Amino acid sequence: MSAQLLASCLVALALLAPSAGRAADLTLAAKGKSDYQIVIPDSSPSPEIGKRMAEIAQLVQNAFKANGFEIEIVPEAKRVPDKPGI
């Protein structure tokens, strides 16, 4: 994994954190599952950005998996509307 890709992932997560409210009140996963879904855009400004977004989504999914949790990656068009997204 490249340092640039890891940095991009960490920046993306840092940008999401303030909109989630207080971290103490936010549970992303518990008891081996998550009520969240990782949502990736249906389209991107360039193929390279689309590729990187998919890689970042996979990294986040792998981080959940490494800690014993399952979370799916879905495109915007197939996201479950009543399920929160990351």
C-alpha atoms as a PDB file:
ATOM      1  CA  MET A   1       0.000   0.000   0.000  1.00  0.00           C
ATOM      2  CA  SER A   2       1.423   3.357  -0.949  1.00  0.00           C
ATOM      3  CA  ALA A   3       1.832   6.137   1.582  1.00  0.00           C
ATOM      4  CA  GLN A   4      -0.166   8.466  -0.671  1.00  0.00           C
ATOM      5  CA  LEU A   5      -3.123   6.059  -0.757  1.00  0.00           C
ATOM      6  CA  LEU A   6      -3.028   5.605   3.004  1.00  0.00           C
ATOM      7  CA  ALA A   7      -2.871   9.368   3.490  1.00  0.00           C
ATOM      8  CA  SER A   8      -5.866   9.831   1.181  1.00  0.00           C
ATOM      9  CA  CYS A   9      -7.840   7.281   3.177  1.00  0.00           C
ATOM     10  CA  LEU A  10      -7.014   8.966   6.473  1.00  0.00           C
ATOM     11  CA  VAL A  11      -7.958  12.394   5.092  1.00  0.00           C
ATOM     12  CA  ALA A  12     -11.288  11.031   3.842  1.00  0.00           C
ATOM     13  CA  LEU A  13     -12.070   9.554   7.252  1.00  0.00           C
ATOM     14  CA  ALA A  14     -11.021  12.753   9.024  1.00  0.00           C
ATOM     15  CA  LEU A  15     -13.381  14.757   6.824  1.00  0.00           C
ATOM     16  CA  LEU A  16     -16.269  12.438   7.667  1.00  0.00           C
ATOM     17  CA  ALA A  17     -15.716  12.552  11.425  1.00  0.00           C
ATOM     18  CA  PRO A  18     -17.004  16.111  12.136  1.00  0.00           C
ATOM     19  CA  SER A  19     -20.308  15.447  10.357  1.00  0.00           C
ATOM     20  CA  ALA A  20     -20.926  12.333  12.439  1.00  0.00           C
ATOM     21  CA  GLY A  21     -21.351  14.210  15.697  1.00  0.00           C
ATOM     22  CA  ARG A  22     -19.543  13.259  18.845  1.00  0.00           C
ATOM     23  CA  ALA A  23     -17.495  10.080  18.463  1.00  0.00           C
ATOM     24  CA  ALA A  24     -18.742   8.771  21.813  1.00  0.00           C
ATOM     25  CA  ASP A  25     -22.273   8.644  20.397  1.00  0.00           C
ATOM     26  CA  LEU A  26     -21.333   6.998  17.101  1.00  0.00           C
ATOM     27  CA  THR A  27     -21.132   3.211  16.806  1.00  0.00           C
ATOM     28  CA  LEU A  28     -19.982   2.057  13.382  1.00  0.00           C
ATOM     29  CA  ALA A  29     -19.937  -1.650  14.232  1.00  0.00           C
ATOM     30  CA  ALA A  30     -20.793  -4.006  17.077  1.00  0.00           C
ATOM     31  CA  LYS A  31     -21.204  -7.734  17.598  1.00  0.00           C
ATOM     32  CA  GLY A  32     -19.533  -8.636  14.292  1.00  0.00           C
ATOM     33  CA  LYS A  33     -21.633  -6.437  12.027  1.00  0.00           C
ATOM     34  CA  SER A  34     -22.252  -2.878  10.988  1.00  0.00           C
ATOM     35  CA  ASP A  35     -25.494  -1.098  10.194  1.00  0.00           C
ATOM     36  CA  TYR A  36     -23.473   1.110   7.833  1.00  0.00           C
ATOM     37  CA  GLN A  37     -22.575   0.693   4.179  1.00  0.00           C
ATOM     38  CA  ILE A  38     -19.574   2.085   2.342  1.00  0.00           C
ATOM     39  CA  VAL A  39     -20.986   4.124  -0.547  1.00  0.00           C
ATOM     40  CA  ILE A  40     -18.850   4.956  -3.562  1.00  0.00           C
ATOM     41  CA  PRO A  41     -19.854   7.413  -6.305  1.00  0.00           C
ATOM     42  CA  ASP A  42     -21.482   6.072  -9.472  1.00  0.00           C
ATOM     43  CA  SER A  43     -19.170   8.289 -11.506  1.00  0.00           C
ATOM     44  CA  SER A  44     -16.032  10.282 -10.894  1.00  0.00           C
ATOM     45  CA  PRO A  45     -14.201  13.160 -12.581  1.00  0.00           C
ATOM     46  CA  SER A  46     -11.617  10.753 -14.002  1.00  0.00           C
ATOM     47  CA  PRO A  47     -10.909   7.016 -14.192  1.00  0.00           C
ATOM     48  CA  GLU A  48      -7.919   7.474 -11.868  1.00  0.00           C
ATOM     49  CA  ILE A  49     -10.058   9.136  -9.177  1.00  0.00           C
ATOM     50  CA  GLY A  50     -12.676   6.401  -9.539  1.00  0.00           C
ATOM     51  CA  LYS A  51      -9.985   3.760  -9.127  1.00  0.00           C
ATOM     52  CA  ARG A  52      -8.601   5.462  -6.013  1.00  0.00           C
ATOM     53  CA  MET A  53     -12.067   5.839  -4.481  1.00  0.00           C
ATOM     54  CA  ALA A  54     -12.654   2.101  -4.954  1.00  0.00           C
ATOM     55  CA  GLU A  55      -9.255   1.348  -3.383  1.00  0.00           C
ATOM     56  CA  ILE A  56     -10.012   3.564  -0.385  1.00  0.00           C
ATOM     57  CA  ALA A  57     -13.397   1.874   0.064  1.00  0.00           C
ATOM     58  CA  GLN A  58     -11.631  -1.498   0.010  1.00  0.00           C
ATOM     59  CA  LEU A  59      -9.105  -0.292   2.605  1.00  0.00           C
ATOM     60  CA  VAL A  60     -11.904   0.833   4.913  1.00  0.00           C
ATOM     61  CA  GLN A  61     -13.721  -2.477   4.396  1.00  0.00           C
ATOM     62  CA  ASN A  62     -10.492  -4.377   5.152  1.00  0.00           C
ATOM     63  CA  ALA A  63     -10.012  -2.367   8.356  1.00  0.00           C
ATOM     64  CA  PHE A  64     -13.490  -3.376   9.509  1.00  0.00           C
ATOM     65  CA  LYS A  65     -12.833  -6.997   8.502  1.00  0.00           C
ATOM     66  CA  ALA A  66      -9.489  -7.066  10.353  1.00  0.00           C
ATOM     67  CA  ASN A  67     -11.408  -6.140  13.493  1.00  0.00           C
ATOM     68  CA  GLY A  68     -14.061  -8.823  12.970  1.00  0.00           C
ATOM     69  CA  PHE A  69     -16.780  -6.758  11.323  1.00  0.00           C
ATOM     70  CA  GLU A  70     -18.506  -7.081   7.968  1.00  0.00           C
ATOM     71  CA  ILE A  71     -19.484  -4.009   5.958  1.00  0.00           C
ATOM     72  CA  GLU A  72     -20.418  -3.909   2.309  1.00  0.00           C
ATOM     73  CA  ILE A  73     -19.307  -1.549  -0.451  1.00  0.00           C
ATOM     74  CA  VAL A  74     -22.091  -0.319  -2.731  1.00  0.00           C
ATOM     75  CA  PRO A  75     -22.358   2.198  -5.577  1.00  0.00           C
ATOM     76  CA  GLU A  76     -24.618   5.202  -4.974  1.00  0.00           C
ATOM     77  CA  ALA A  77     -27.315   3.817  -7.266  1.00  0.00           C
ATOM     78  CA  LYS A  78     -27.581   0.617  -5.209  1.00  0.00           C
ATOM     79  CA  ARG A  79     -27.264   2.028  -1.701  1.00  0.00           C
ATOM     80  CA  VAL A  80     -29.968   1.104   0.775  1.00  0.00           C
ATOM     81  CA  PRO A  81     -31.751   4.433   1.433  1.00  0.00           C
ATOM     82  CA  ASP A  82     -32.604   3.789   5.092  1.00  0.00           C
ATOM     83  CA  LYS A  83     -29.104   2.506   5.931  1.00  0.00           C
ATOM     84  CA  PRO A  84     -26.437   5.065   6.883  1.00  0.00           C
ATOM     85  CA  GLY A  85     -23.437   5.374   4.614  1.00  0.00           C
ATOM     86  CA  ILE A  86     -19.763   6.058   5.045  1.00  0.00           C
END
